[in-house]
Amino acid sequence: MQYEEDEMHQQLARLLAYLVLPALGLISIAIILLIILL
């Protein structure tokens, strides 16, 4: 039981990484563009 739970947590962490990292990249690019344009 414990093993399956750890596996699920790893999958959730991986999914979060795939969702959050591109979002952070886009946000940082947007901030840089705003700084350049303003």
C-alpha atoms as a PDB file:
ATOM      1  CA  MET A   1       0.000   0.000   0.000  1.00  0.00           C
ATOM      2  CA  GLN A   2       2.740   2.431   1.000  1.00  0.00           C
ATOM      3  CA  TYR A   3       4.635   1.697  -2.218  1.00  0.00           C
ATOM      4  CA  GLU A   4       1.638   2.538  -4.396  1.00  0.00           C
ATOM      5  CA  GLU A   5       1.143   5.793  -2.511  1.00  0.00           C
ATOM      6  CA  ASP A   6       4.769   6.812  -3.118  1.00  0.00           C
ATOM      7  CA  GLU A   7       4.366   5.986  -6.807  1.00  0.00           C
ATOM      8  CA  MET A   8       1.261   8.175  -7.012  1.00  0.00           C
ATOM      9  CA  HIS A   9       3.077  11.043  -5.297  1.00  0.00           C
ATOM     10  CA  GLN A  10       5.926  10.751  -7.819  1.00  0.00           C
ATOM     11  CA  GLN A  11       3.451  10.893 -10.713  1.00  0.00           C
ATOM     12  CA  LEU A  12       1.736  13.941  -9.189  1.00  0.00           C
ATOM     13  CA  ALA A  13       5.076  15.680  -8.686  1.00  0.00           C
ATOM     14  CA  ARG A  14       6.038  14.950 -12.298  1.00  0.00           C
ATOM     15  CA  LEU A  15       2.698  16.251 -13.567  1.00  0.00           C
ATOM     16  CA  LEU A  16       3.065  19.417 -11.477  1.00  0.00           C
ATOM     17  CA  ALA A  17       6.577  19.918 -12.836  1.00  0.00           C
ATOM     18  CA  TYR A  18       5.330  19.597 -16.426  1.00  0.00           C
ATOM     19  CA  LEU A  19       2.555  22.123 -15.745  1.00  0.00           C
ATOM     20  CA  VAL A  20       4.411  24.607 -13.554  1.00  0.00           C
ATOM     21  CA  LEU A  21       7.767  24.865 -15.348  1.00  0.00           C
ATOM     22  CA  PRO A  22       6.356  26.004 -18.725  1.00  0.00           C
ATOM     23  CA  ALA A  23       4.037  28.419 -16.903  1.00  0.00           C
ATOM     24  CA  LEU A  24       7.004  29.904 -15.010  1.00  0.00           C
ATOM     25  CA  GLY A  25       8.903  30.204 -18.285  1.00  0.00           C
ATOM     26  CA  LEU A  26       6.011  32.027 -19.941  1.00  0.00           C
ATOM     27  CA  ILE A  27       5.576  34.344 -16.947  1.00  0.00           C
ATOM     28  CA  SER A  28       9.280  35.212 -16.880  1.00  0.00           C
ATOM     29  CA  ILE A  29       9.234  35.927 -20.635  1.00  0.00           C
ATOM     30  CA  ALA A  30       6.162  38.143 -20.206  1.00  0.00           C
ATOM     31  CA  ILE A  31       7.839  40.057 -17.354  1.00  0.00           C
ATOM     32  CA  ILE A  32      10.994  40.580 -19.432  1.00  0.00           C
ATOM     33  CA  LEU A  33       8.903  41.844 -22.360  1.00  0.00           C
ATOM     34  CA  LEU A  34       7.029  44.241 -20.068  1.00  0.00           C
ATOM     35  CA  ILE A  35      10.292  45.589 -18.664  1.00  0.00           C
ATOM     36  CA  ILE A  36      11.656  46.111 -22.188  1.00  0.00           C
ATOM     37  CA  LEU A  37       8.484  47.764 -23.464  1.00  0.00           C
ATOM     38  CA  LEU A  38       7.793  50.035 -20.496  1.00  0.00           C
END
